[in-house]
PDB file of N, CA and C in Angstrom:
ATOM      1  N   VAL A   1       0.858  -1.166   0.000  1.00  0.00           N
ATOM      2  CA  VAL A   1       0.000   0.000   0.000  1.00  0.00           C
ATOM      3  C   VAL A   1       0.894   1.215   0.000  1.00  0.00           C
ATOM      4  N   ASN A   2       0.840   1.980  -1.042  1.00  0.00           N
ATOM      5  CA  ASN A   2       1.683   3.168  -1.203  1.00  0.00           C
ATOM      6  C   ASN A   2       3.152   2.882  -0.935  1.00  0.00           C
ATOM      7  N   GLY A   3       3.633   1.720  -1.402  1.00  0.00           N
ATOM      8  CA  GLY A   3       5.033   1.373  -1.275  1.00  0.00           C
ATOM      9  C   GLY A   3       5.439   0.865   0.102  1.00  0.00           C
ATOM     10  N   LYS A   4       4.500   0.692   1.003  1.00  0.00           N
ATOM     11  CA  LYS A   4       4.830   0.191   2.337  1.00  0.00           C
ATOM     12  C   LYS A   4       4.535  -1.300   2.410  1.00  0.00           C
ATOM     13  N   GLU A   5       5.388  -2.007   3.107  1.00  0.00           N
ATOM     14  CA  GLU A   5       5.232  -3.450   3.258  1.00  0.00           C
ATOM     15  C   GLU A   5       4.293  -3.751   4.428  1.00  0.00           C
ATOM     16  N   ILE A   6       3.391  -4.684   4.205  1.00  0.00           N
ATOM     17  CA  ILE A   6       2.453  -5.104   5.245  1.00  0.00           C
ATOM     18  C   ILE A   6       2.735  -6.560   5.565  1.00  0.00           C
ATOM     19  N   THR A   7       2.880  -6.862   6.830  1.00  0.00           N
ATOM     20  CA  THR A   7       3.106  -8.236   7.265  1.00  0.00           C
ATOM     21  C   THR A   7       1.825  -8.766   7.905  1.00  0.00           C
ATOM     22  N   VAL A   8       1.388  -9.916   7.442  1.00  0.00           N
ATOM     23  CA  VAL A   8       0.185 -10.542   7.981  1.00  0.00           C
ATOM     24  C   VAL A   8       0.605 -11.771   8.765  1.00  0.00           C
ATOM     25  N   LYS A   9       0.199 -11.832  10.020  1.00  0.00           N
ATOM     26  CA  LYS A   9       0.514 -12.985  10.860  1.00  0.00           C
ATOM     27  C   LYS A   9      -0.774 -13.780  11.059  1.00  0.00           C
ATOM     28  N   VAL A  10      -0.734 -15.041  10.729  1.00  0.00           N
ATOM     29  CA  VAL A  10      -1.892 -15.908  10.895  1.00  0.00           C
ATOM     30  C   VAL A  10      -1.768 -16.635  12.223  1.00  0.00           C
ATOM     31  N   LEU A  11      -2.836 -16.595  13.021  1.00  0.00           N
ATOM     32  CA  LEU A  11      -2.848 -17.335  14.281  1.00  0.00           C
ATOM     33  C   LEU A  11      -3.074 -18.803  13.956  1.00  0.00           C
ATOM     34  N   GLU A  12      -2.176 -19.653  14.396  1.00  0.00           N
ATOM     35  CA  GLU A  12      -2.277 -21.083  14.121  1.00  0.00           C
ATOM     36  C   GLU A  12      -3.182 -21.758  15.138  1.00  0.00           C
ATOM     37  N   ILE A  13      -3.989 -22.686  14.659  1.00  0.00           N
ATOM     38  CA  ILE A  13      -4.867 -23.471  15.518  1.00  0.00           C
ATOM     39  C   ILE A  13      -4.560 -24.946  15.282  1.00  0.00           C
ATOM     40  N   SER A  14      -4.471 -25.706  16.376  1.00  0.00           N
ATOM     41  CA  SER A  14      -4.209 -27.139  16.287  1.00  0.00           C
ATOM     42  C   SER A  14      -5.532 -27.893  16.233  1.00  0.00           C
ATOM     43  N   SER A  15      -5.740 -28.664  15.158  1.00  0.00           N
ATOM     44  CA  SER A  15      -6.971 -29.458  15.069  1.00  0.00           C
ATOM     45  C   SER A  15      -6.965 -30.584  16.098  1.00  0.00           C
ATOM     46  N   ALA A  16      -5.782 -31.051  16.493  1.00  0.00           N
ATOM     47  CA  ALA A  16      -5.694 -32.123  17.478  1.00  0.00           C
ATOM     48  C   ALA A  16      -6.071 -31.646  18.880  1.00  0.00           C
ATOM     49  N   LYS A  17      -5.816 -30.381  19.194  1.00  0.00           N
ATOM     50  CA  LYS A  17      -6.092 -29.867  20.532  1.00  0.00           C
ATOM     51  C   LYS A  17      -7.396 -29.081  20.607  1.00  0.00           C
ATOM     52  N   SER A  18      -7.957 -28.702  19.477  1.00  0.00           N
ATOM     53  CA  SER A  18      -9.195 -27.932  19.448  1.00  0.00           C
ATOM     54  C   SER A  18     -10.399 -28.873  19.423  1.00  0.00           C
ATOM     55  N   SER A  19     -11.566 -28.335  19.781  1.00  0.00           N
ATOM     56  CA  SER A  19     -12.754 -29.185  19.811  1.00  0.00           C
ATOM     57  C   SER A  19     -14.003 -28.414  19.424  1.00  0.00           C
ATOM     58  N   VAL A  20     -15.018 -29.178  19.028  1.00  0.00           N
ATOM     59  CA  VAL A  20     -16.348 -28.640  18.740  1.00  0.00           C
ATOM     60  C   VAL A  20     -17.334 -29.474  19.550  1.00  0.00           C
ATOM     61  N   THR A  21     -18.158 -28.814  20.354  1.00  0.00           N
ATOM     62  CA  THR A  21     -19.196 -29.507  21.111  1.00  0.00           C
ATOM     63  C   THR A  21     -20.534 -28.837  20.828  1.00  0.00           C
ATOM     64  N   CYS A  22     -21.613 -29.626  20.844  1.00  0.00           N
ATOM     65  CA  CYS A  22     -22.934 -29.089  20.553  1.00  0.00           C
ATOM     66  C   CYS A  22     -23.945 -29.570  21.591  1.00  0.00           C
ATOM     67  N   ASP A  23     -24.905 -28.706  21.899  1.00  0.00           N
ATOM     68  CA  ASP A  23     -25.996 -29.026  22.817  1.00  0.00           C
ATOM     69  C   ASP A  23     -27.297 -28.459  22.262  1.00  0.00           C
ATOM     70  N   PRO A  24     -28.382 -29.101  22.483  1.00  0.00           N
ATOM     71  CA  PRO A  24     -28.538 -30.407  23.120  1.00  0.00           C
ATOM     72  C   PRO A  24     -28.208 -31.527  22.139  1.00  0.00           C
ATOM     73  N   PRO A  25     -27.914 -32.730  22.642  1.00  0.00           N
ATOM     74  CA  PRO A  25     -27.563 -33.835  21.748  1.00  0.00           C
ATOM     75  C   PRO A  25     -28.755 -34.362  20.952  1.00  0.00           C
ATOM     76  N   VAL A  26     -29.979 -34.141  21.436  1.00  0.00           N
ATOM     77  CA  VAL A  26     -31.192 -34.537  20.710  1.00  0.00           C
ATOM     78  C   VAL A  26     -32.145 -33.348  20.727  1.00  0.00           C
ATOM     79  N   LEU A  27     -32.717 -32.999  19.565  1.00  0.00           N
ATOM     80  CA  LEU A  27     -33.606 -31.854  19.457  1.00  0.00           C
ATOM     81  C   LEU A  27     -34.614 -32.079  18.348  1.00  0.00           C
ATOM     82  N   SER A  28     -35.572 -31.187  18.224  1.00  0.00           N
ATOM     83  CA  SER A  28     -36.590 -31.271  17.177  1.00  0.00           C
ATOM     84  C   SER A  28     -36.086 -30.570  15.925  1.00  0.00           C
ATOM     85  N   ALA A  29     -36.478 -31.088  14.756  1.00  0.00           N
ATOM     86  CA  ALA A  29     -36.108 -30.444  13.488  1.00  0.00           C
ATOM     87  C   ALA A  29     -36.595 -28.996  13.531  1.00  0.00           C
ATOM     88  N   GLY A  30     -35.746 -28.084  13.087  1.00  0.00           N
ATOM     89  CA  GLY A  30     -36.065 -26.662  13.099  1.00  0.00           C
ATOM     90  C   GLY A  30     -35.595 -25.952  14.357  1.00  0.00           C
ATOM     91  N   THR A  31     -35.236 -26.700  15.387  1.00  0.00           N
ATOM     92  CA  THR A  31     -34.734 -26.112  16.630  1.00  0.00           C
ATOM     93  C   THR A  31     -33.233 -25.884  16.503  1.00  0.00           C
ATOM     94  N   PRO A  32     -32.748 -24.682  16.815  1.00  0.00           N
ATOM     95  CA  PRO A  32     -31.315 -24.420  16.683  1.00  0.00           C
ATOM     96  C   PRO A  32     -30.467 -25.279  17.622  1.00  0.00           C
ATOM     97  N   LEU A  33     -29.370 -25.767  17.092  1.00  0.00           N
ATOM     98  CA  LEU A  33     -28.363 -26.514  17.825  1.00  0.00           C
ATOM     99  C   LEU A  33     -27.243 -25.525  18.135  1.00  0.00           C
ATOM    100  N   LEU A  34     -26.883 -25.353  19.400  1.00  0.00           N
ATOM    101  CA  LEU A  34     -25.840 -24.416  19.801  1.00  0.00           C
ATOM    102  C   LEU A  34     -24.511 -25.155  19.891  1.00  0.00           C
ATOM    103  N   CYS A  35     -23.530 -24.694  19.128  1.00  0.00           N
ATOM    104  CA  CYS A  35     -22.223 -25.361  19.089  1.00  0.00           C
ATOM    105  C   CYS A  35     -21.129 -24.403  19.555  1.00  0.00           C
ATOM    106  N   THR A  36     -20.163 -24.967  20.272  1.00  0.00           N
ATOM    107  CA  THR A  36     -19.054 -24.193  20.821  1.00  0.00           C
ATOM    108  C   THR A  36     -17.740 -24.716  20.257  1.00  0.00           C
ATOM    109  N   ILE A  37     -16.904 -23.813  19.788  1.00  0.00           N
ATOM    110  CA  ILE A  37     -15.568 -24.138  19.293  1.00  0.00           C
ATOM    111  C   ILE A  37     -14.571 -23.682  20.346  1.00  0.00           C
ATOM    112  N   THR A  38     -13.767 -24.614  20.849  1.00  0.00           N
ATOM    113  CA  THR A  38     -12.667 -24.264  21.736  1.00  0.00           C
ATOM    114  C   THR A  38     -11.401 -24.423  20.903  1.00  0.00           C
ATOM    115  N   ALA A  39     -10.805 -23.291  20.533  1.00  0.00           N
ATOM    116  CA  ALA A  39      -9.627 -23.304  19.666  1.00  0.00           C
ATOM    117  C   ALA A  39      -8.358 -23.192  20.505  1.00  0.00           C
ATOM    118  N   GLN A  40      -7.402 -24.085  20.223  1.00  0.00           N
ATOM    119  CA  GLN A  40      -6.126 -24.063  20.925  1.00  0.00           C
ATOM    120  C   GLN A  40      -4.985 -24.165  19.920  1.00  0.00           C
ATOM    121  N   ASP A  41      -3.844 -23.601  20.295  1.00  0.00           N
ATOM    122  CA  ASP A  41      -2.666 -23.736  19.445  1.00  0.00           C
ATOM    123  C   ASP A  41      -1.951 -25.046  19.776  1.00  0.00           C
ATOM    124  N   ALA A  42      -0.829 -25.294  19.138  1.00  0.00           N
ATOM    125  CA  ALA A  42      -0.105 -26.562  19.313  1.00  0.00           C
ATOM    126  C   ALA A  42       0.390 -26.766  20.743  1.00  0.00           C
ATOM    127  N   GLN A  43       0.557 -25.688  21.498  1.00  0.00           N
ATOM    128  CA  GLN A  43       1.021 -25.798  22.883  1.00  0.00           C
ATOM    129  C   GLN A  43      -0.155 -25.925  23.868  1.00  0.00           C
ATOM    130  N   GLY A  44      -1.392 -25.906  23.368  1.00  0.00           N
ATOM    131  CA  GLY A  44      -2.559 -26.028  24.231  1.00  0.00           C
ATOM    132  C   GLY A  44      -3.087 -24.710  24.765  1.00  0.00           C
ATOM    133  N   ASN A  45      -2.545 -23.592  24.259  1.00  0.00           N
ATOM    134  CA  ASN A  45      -3.035 -22.274  24.673  1.00  0.00           C
ATOM    135  C   ASN A  45      -4.322 -21.953  23.925  1.00  0.00           C
ATOM    136  N   VAL A  46      -5.288 -21.369  24.628  1.00  0.00           N
ATOM    137  CA  VAL A  46      -6.547 -20.988  24.003  1.00  0.00           C
ATOM    138  C   VAL A  46      -6.302 -19.846  23.024  1.00  0.00           C
ATOM    139  N   VAL A  47      -6.846 -19.968  21.822  1.00  0.00           N
ATOM    140  CA  VAL A  47      -6.779 -18.924  20.794  1.00  0.00           C
ATOM    141  C   VAL A  47      -8.176 -18.329  20.725  1.00  0.00           C
ATOM    142  N   SER A  48      -8.308 -17.072  21.160  1.00  0.00           N
ATOM    143  CA  SER A  48      -9.644 -16.497  21.261  1.00  0.00           C
ATOM    144  C   SER A  48      -9.746 -15.087  20.695  1.00  0.00           C
ATOM    145  N   ASP A  49      -8.875 -14.733  19.804  1.00  0.00           N
ATOM    146  CA  ASP A  49      -8.885 -13.398  19.211  1.00  0.00           C
ATOM    147  C   ASP A  49     -10.143 -13.227  18.366  1.00  0.00           C
ATOM    148  N   ALA A  50     -10.951 -12.230  18.675  1.00  0.00           N
ATOM    149  CA  ALA A  50     -12.218 -12.004  17.961  1.00  0.00           C
ATOM    150  C   ALA A  50     -12.014 -11.793  16.466  1.00  0.00           C
ATOM    151  N   SER A  51     -10.852 -11.304  16.065  1.00  0.00           N
ATOM    152  CA  SER A  51     -10.612 -11.029  14.645  1.00  0.00           C
ATOM    153  C   SER A  51     -10.569 -12.292  13.793  1.00  0.00           C
ATOM    154  N   ILE A  52     -10.400 -13.472  14.413  1.00  0.00           N
ATOM    155  CA  ILE A  52     -10.328 -14.699  13.614  1.00  0.00           C
ATOM    156  C   ILE A  52     -11.693 -15.363  13.417  1.00  0.00           C
ATOM    157  N   ALA A  53     -12.733 -14.881  14.085  1.00  0.00           N
ATOM    158  CA  ALA A  53     -14.065 -15.500  13.955  1.00  0.00           C
ATOM    159  C   ALA A  53     -14.505 -15.653  12.500  1.00  0.00           C
ATOM    160  N   PRO A  54     -14.305 -14.664  11.631  1.00  0.00           N
ATOM    161  CA  PRO A  54     -14.721 -14.835  10.232  1.00  0.00           C
ATOM    162  C   PRO A  54     -13.900 -15.879   9.465  1.00  0.00           C
ATOM    163  N   MET A  55     -12.777 -16.345  10.033  1.00  0.00           N
ATOM    164  CA  MET A  55     -11.941 -17.327   9.354  1.00  0.00           C
ATOM    165  C   MET A  55     -12.446 -18.756   9.528  1.00  0.00           C
ATOM    166  N   PHE A  56     -13.465 -18.945  10.381  1.00  0.00           N
ATOM    167  CA  PHE A  56     -14.064 -20.262  10.539  1.00  0.00           C
ATOM    168  C   PHE A  56     -15.130 -20.463   9.476  1.00  0.00           C
ATOM    169  N   LYS A  57     -15.134 -21.636   8.870  1.00  0.00           N
ATOM    170  CA  LYS A  57     -16.181 -22.003   7.920  1.00  0.00           C
ATOM    171  C   LYS A  57     -16.876 -23.242   8.479  1.00  0.00           C
ATOM    172  N   VAL A  58     -18.182 -23.135   8.667  1.00  0.00           N
ATOM    173  CA  VAL A  58     -18.953 -24.237   9.236  1.00  0.00           C
ATOM    174  C   VAL A  58     -19.824 -24.853   8.140  1.00  0.00           C
ATOM    175  N   THR A  59     -19.752 -26.172   8.018  1.00  0.00           N
ATOM    176  CA  THR A  59     -20.620 -26.920   7.114  1.00  0.00           C
ATOM    177  C   THR A  59     -21.395 -27.913   7.956  1.00  0.00           C
ATOM    178  N   ALA A  60     -22.714 -27.891   7.826  1.00  0.00           N
ATOM    179  CA  ALA A  60     -23.572 -28.820   8.573  1.00  0.00           C
ATOM    180  C   ALA A  60     -24.406 -29.606   7.574  1.00  0.00           C
ATOM    181  N   MET A  61     -24.393 -30.929   7.734  1.00  0.00           N
ATOM    182  CA  MET A  61     -25.186 -31.815   6.877  1.00  0.00           C
ATOM    183  C   MET A  61     -26.217 -32.533   7.741  1.00  0.00           C
ATOM    184  N   ASN A  62     -27.452 -32.603   7.244  1.00  0.00           N
ATOM    185  CA  ASN A  62     -28.545 -33.275   7.949  1.00  0.00           C
ATOM    186  C   ASN A  62     -29.169 -34.255   6.967  1.00  0.00           C
ATOM    187  N   GLN A  63     -28.926 -35.564   7.197  1.00  0.00           N
ATOM    188  CA  GLN A  63     -29.440 -36.610   6.306  1.00  0.00           C
ATOM    189  C   GLN A  63     -28.986 -36.381   4.856  1.00  0.00           C
ATOM    190  N   GLY A  64     -27.731 -35.975   4.687  1.00  0.00           N
ATOM    191  CA  GLY A  64     -27.164 -35.791   3.361  1.00  0.00           C
ATOM    192  C   GLY A  64     -27.469 -34.454   2.708  1.00  0.00           C
ATOM    193  N   GLU A  65     -28.251 -33.594   3.368  1.00  0.00           N
ATOM    194  CA  GLU A  65     -28.557 -32.277   2.822  1.00  0.00           C
ATOM    195  C   GLU A  65     -27.842 -31.199   3.613  1.00  0.00           C
ATOM    196  N   LEU A  66     -27.367 -30.197   2.894  1.00  0.00           N
ATOM    197  CA  LEU A  66     -26.688 -29.075   3.516  1.00  0.00           C
ATOM    198  C   LEU A  66     -27.681 -28.278   4.348  1.00  0.00           C
ATOM    199  N   VAL A  67     -27.324 -27.966   5.596  1.00  0.00           N
ATOM    200  CA  VAL A  67     -28.159 -27.137   6.459  1.00  0.00           C
ATOM    201  C   VAL A  67     -27.821 -25.687   6.159  1.00  0.00           C
ATOM    202  N   SER A  68     -28.783 -24.949   5.632  1.00  0.00           N
ATOM    203  CA  SER A  68     -28.512 -23.567   5.248  1.00  0.00           C
ATOM    204  C   SER A  68     -28.624 -22.603   6.426  1.00  0.00           C
ATOM    205  N   GLU A  69     -29.282 -23.026   7.486  1.00  0.00           N
ATOM    206  CA  GLU A  69     -29.465 -22.163   8.650  1.00  0.00           C
ATOM    207  C   GLU A  69     -28.301 -22.314   9.632  1.00  0.00           C
ATOM    208  N   VAL A  70     -27.105 -21.859   9.221  1.00  0.00           N
ATOM    209  CA  VAL A  70     -25.926 -21.878  10.090  1.00  0.00           C
ATOM    210  C   VAL A  70     -25.530 -20.427  10.323  1.00  0.00           C
ATOM    211  N   SER A  71     -25.441 -20.035  11.590  1.00  0.00           N
ATOM    212  CA  SER A  71     -25.117 -18.643  11.905  1.00  0.00           C
ATOM    213  C   SER A  71     -23.635 -18.361  11.696  1.00  0.00           C
ATOM    214  N   SER A  72     -23.301 -17.086  11.740  1.00  0.00           N
ATOM    215  CA  SER A  72     -21.897 -16.688  11.727  1.00  0.00           C
ATOM    216  C   SER A  72     -21.255 -17.127  13.034  1.00  0.00           C
ATOM    217  N   VAL A  73     -19.961 -17.375  12.978  1.00  0.00           N
ATOM    218  CA  VAL A  73     -19.219 -17.732  14.190  1.00  0.00           C
ATOM    219  C   VAL A  73     -18.916 -16.442  14.939  1.00  0.00           C
ATOM    220  N   ARG A  74     -19.184 -16.459  16.245  1.00  0.00           N
ATOM    221  CA  ARG A  74     -18.915 -15.284  17.074  1.00  0.00           C
ATOM    222  C   ARG A  74     -18.073 -15.703  18.284  1.00  0.00           C
ATOM    223  N   VAL A  75     -17.315 -14.750  18.814  1.00  0.00           N
ATOM    224  CA  VAL A  75     -16.493 -15.034  19.994  1.00  0.00           C
ATOM    225  C   VAL A  75     -17.248 -14.563  21.232  1.00  0.00           C
ATOM    226  N   LEU A  76     -17.137 -15.335  22.303  1.00  0.00           N
ATOM    227  CA  LEU A  76     -17.755 -14.983  23.580  1.00  0.00           C
ATOM    228  C   LEU A  76     -16.701 -14.435  24.529  1.00  0.00           C
ATOM    229  N   PRO A  77     -17.104 -13.699  25.551  1.00  0.00           N
ATOM    230  CA  PRO A  77     -16.132 -13.161  26.506  1.00  0.00           C
ATOM    231  C   PRO A  77     -15.302 -14.244  27.205  1.00  0.00           C
ATOM    232  N   THR A  78     -15.797 -15.469  27.242  1.00  0.00           N
ATOM    233  CA  THR A  78     -15.061 -16.560  27.884  1.00  0.00           C
ATOM    234  C   THR A  78     -13.916 -17.091  27.034  1.00  0.00           C
ATOM    235  N   GLY A  79     -13.784 -16.603  25.789  1.00  0.00           N
ATOM    236  CA  GLY A  79     -12.672 -17.025  24.940  1.00  0.00           C
ATOM    237  C   GLY A  79     -12.992 -18.191  24.032  1.00  0.00           C
ATOM    238  N   VAL A  80     -14.242 -18.588  23.944  1.00  0.00           N
ATOM    239  CA  VAL A  80     -14.640 -19.638  23.009  1.00  0.00           C
ATOM    240  C   VAL A  80     -15.477 -19.008  21.904  1.00  0.00           C
ATOM    241  N   PHE A  81     -15.660 -19.753  20.826  1.00  0.00           N
ATOM    242  CA  PHE A  81     -16.456 -19.290  19.698  1.00  0.00           C
ATOM    243  C   PHE A  81     -17.752 -20.095  19.666  1.00  0.00           C
ATOM    244  N   GLN A  82     -18.829 -19.491  19.176  1.00  0.00           N
ATOM    245  CA  GLN A  82     -20.094 -20.216  19.078  1.00  0.00           C
ATOM    246  C   GLN A  82     -20.774 -19.936  17.753  1.00  0.00           C
ATOM    247  N   PHE A  83     -21.602 -20.915  17.343  1.00  0.00           N
ATOM    248  CA  PHE A  83     -22.478 -20.751  16.190  1.00  0.00           C
ATOM    249  C   PHE A  83     -23.703 -21.627  16.416  1.00  0.00           C
ATOM    250  N   THR A  84     -24.746 -21.407  15.641  1.00  0.00           N
ATOM    251  CA  THR A  84     -25.938 -22.251  15.711  1.00  0.00           C
ATOM    252  C   THR A  84     -26.205 -22.838  14.339  1.00  0.00           C
ATOM    253  N   ALA A  85     -26.831 -24.008  14.338  1.00  0.00           N
ATOM    254  CA  ALA A  85     -27.264 -24.666  13.108  1.00  0.00           C
ATOM    255  C   ALA A  85     -28.639 -25.251  13.383  1.00  0.00           C
ATOM    256  N   ALA A  86     -29.578 -25.048  12.466  1.00  0.00           N
ATOM    257  CA  ALA A  86     -30.938 -25.567  12.645  1.00  0.00           C
ATOM    258  C   ALA A  86     -31.170 -26.694  11.644  1.00  0.00           C
ATOM    259  N   PRO A  87     -31.301 -27.951  12.128  1.00  0.00           N
ATOM    260  CA  PRO A  87     -31.550 -29.074  11.221  1.00  0.00           C
ATOM    261  C   PRO A  87     -32.918 -28.941  10.560  1.00  0.00           C
ATOM    262  N   ILE A  88     -33.020 -29.463   9.338  1.00  0.00           N
ATOM    263  CA  ILE A  88     -34.260 -29.321   8.579  1.00  0.00           C
ATOM    264  C   ILE A  88     -35.119 -30.572   8.598  1.00  0.00           C
ATOM    265  N   ARG A  89     -34.588 -31.682   9.040  1.00  0.00           N
ATOM    266  CA  ARG A  89     -35.345 -32.927   9.128  1.00  0.00           C
ATOM    267  C   ARG A  89     -34.781 -33.792  10.234  1.00  0.00           C
ATOM    268  N   SER A  90     -35.491 -34.856  10.566  1.00  0.00           N
ATOM    269  CA  SER A  90     -35.004 -35.736  11.625  1.00  0.00           C
ATOM    270  C   SER A  90     -33.815 -36.547  11.130  1.00  0.00           C
ATOM    271  N   GLY A  91     -32.968 -36.948  12.056  1.00  0.00           N
ATOM    272  CA  GLY A  91     -31.786 -37.743  11.728  1.00  0.00           C
ATOM    273  C   GLY A  91     -30.522 -37.063  12.203  1.00  0.00           C
ATOM    274  N   PRO A  92     -29.393 -37.752  12.046  1.00  0.00           N
ATOM    275  CA  PRO A  92     -28.119 -37.213  12.544  1.00  0.00           C
ATOM    276  C   PRO A  92     -27.648 -35.980  11.773  1.00  0.00           C
ATOM    277  N   ILE A  93     -26.919 -35.143  12.488  1.00  0.00           N
ATOM    278  CA  ILE A  93     -26.309 -33.940  11.913  1.00  0.00           C
ATOM    279  C   ILE A  93     -24.801 -34.134  11.972  1.00  0.00           C
ATOM    280  N   THR A  94     -24.126 -33.893  10.870  1.00  0.00           N
ATOM    281  CA  THR A  94     -22.672 -33.977  10.814  1.00  0.00           C
ATOM    282  C   THR A  94     -22.133 -32.573  10.594  1.00  0.00           C
ATOM    283  N   LEU A  95     -21.181 -32.174  11.430  1.00  0.00           N
ATOM    284  CA  LEU A  95     -20.593 -30.836  11.338  1.00  0.00           C
ATOM    285  C   LEU A  95     -19.139 -30.913  10.925  1.00  0.00           C
ATOM    286  N   GLN A  96     -18.719 -29.920  10.167  1.00  0.00           N
ATOM    287  CA  GLN A  96     -17.305 -29.754   9.860  1.00  0.00           C
ATOM    288  C   GLN A  96     -16.991 -28.282  10.054  1.00  0.00           C
ATOM    289  N   VAL A  97     -16.002 -28.000  10.879  1.00  0.00           N
ATOM    290  CA  VAL A  97     -15.568 -26.638  11.138  1.00  0.00           C
ATOM    291  C   VAL A  97     -14.148 -26.509  10.613  1.00  0.00           C
ATOM    292  N   ALA A  98     -13.948 -25.597   9.683  1.00  0.00           N
ATOM    293  CA  ALA A  98     -12.622 -25.389   9.104  1.00  0.00           C
ATOM    294  C   ALA A  98     -12.120 -23.995   9.477  1.00  0.00           C
ATOM    295  N   TYR A  99     -10.842 -23.914   9.762  1.00  0.00           N
ATOM    296  CA  TYR A  99     -10.167 -22.642  10.031  1.00  0.00           C
ATOM    297  C   TYR A  99      -8.982 -22.585   9.091  1.00  0.00           C
ATOM    298  N   LEU A 100      -9.047 -21.703   8.119  1.00  0.00           N
ATOM    299  CA  LEU A 100      -8.033 -21.642   7.074  1.00  0.00           C
ATOM    300  C   LEU A 100      -7.859 -23.039   6.494  1.00  0.00           C
ATOM    301  N   SER A 101      -6.774 -23.745   6.821  1.00  0.00           N
ATOM    302  CA  SER A 101      -6.580 -25.084   6.270  1.00  0.00           C
ATOM    303  C   SER A 101      -6.690 -26.164   7.331  1.00  0.00           C
ATOM    304  N   THR A 102      -7.041 -25.802   8.559  1.00  0.00           N
ATOM    305  CA  THR A 102      -7.184 -26.767   9.641  1.00  0.00           C
ATOM    306  C   THR A 102      -8.654 -27.121   9.783  1.00  0.00           C
ATOM    307  N   THR A 103      -8.976 -28.394   9.886  1.00  0.00           N
ATOM    308  CA  THR A 103     -10.360 -28.814   9.981  1.00  0.00           C
ATOM    309  C   THR A 103     -10.581 -29.624  11.251  1.00  0.00           C
ATOM    310  N   VAL A 104     -11.658 -29.303  11.951  1.00  0.00           N
ATOM    311  CA  VAL A 104     -12.068 -30.048  13.140  1.00  0.00           C
ATOM    312  C   VAL A 104     -13.477 -30.546  12.867  1.00  0.00           C
ATOM    313  N   SER A 105     -13.723 -31.843  12.967  1.00  0.00           N
ATOM    314  CA  SER A 105     -15.041 -32.411  12.693  1.00  0.00           C
ATOM    315  C   SER A 105     -15.611 -33.030  13.953  1.00  0.00           C
ATOM    316  N   GLY A 106     -16.929 -33.162  13.936  1.00  0.00           N
ATOM    317  CA  GLY A 106     -17.552 -33.820  15.065  1.00  0.00           C
ATOM    318  C   GLY A 106     -19.024 -34.013  14.822  1.00  0.00           C
ATOM    319  N   PRO A 107     -19.625 -34.931  15.577  1.00  0.00           N
ATOM    320  CA  PRO A 107     -21.061 -35.130  15.439  1.00  0.00           C
ATOM    321  C   PRO A 107     -21.786 -33.945  16.040  1.00  0.00           C
ATOM    322  N   GLY A 108     -22.881 -33.567  15.427  1.00  0.00           N
ATOM    323  CA  GLY A 108     -23.632 -32.422  15.931  1.00  0.00           C
ATOM    324  C   GLY A 108     -24.718 -32.830  16.873  1.00  0.00           C
ATOM    325  N   GLY A 109     -25.404 -33.901  16.589  1.00  0.00           N
ATOM    326  CA  GLY A 109     -26.520 -34.328  17.392  1.00  0.00           C
ATOM    327  C   GLY A 109     -27.526 -35.044  16.513  1.00  0.00           C
ATOM    328  N   THR A 110     -28.690 -35.279  17.025  1.00  0.00           N
ATOM    329  CA  THR A 110     -29.736 -35.928  16.276  1.00  0.00           C
ATOM    330  C   THR A 110     -31.007 -35.142  16.407  1.00  0.00           C
ATOM    331  N   ALA A 111     -31.649 -34.864  15.274  1.00  0.00           N
ATOM    332  CA  ALA A 111     -32.909 -34.125  15.286  1.00  0.00           C
ATOM    333  C   ALA A 111     -34.057 -35.108  15.212  1.00  0.00           C
TER     334      ALA A 111
END
């Protein structure tokens, strides 16, 4: 920008140390499922910088169909990230949460 060099530092997240949990484990179709992302680096330190929330991409599948009702990922004051997904039919929900090139997967629950 105008001849000045800009350095971008990416916060690294460890998929092995990070987790995704969702509640409740059983719900009615159309009811939002609340999911929490606990992001940690390779040393086990919590990564909770609000600026990285848009770098998470959440994909939710319900009985083989993409769930379109997935909220944006937001950071909470406790240092974890949250999003909601509303299943469209009964059956298991499969979630995939990606951060840049790191992916953390987990079961979402059953509608």
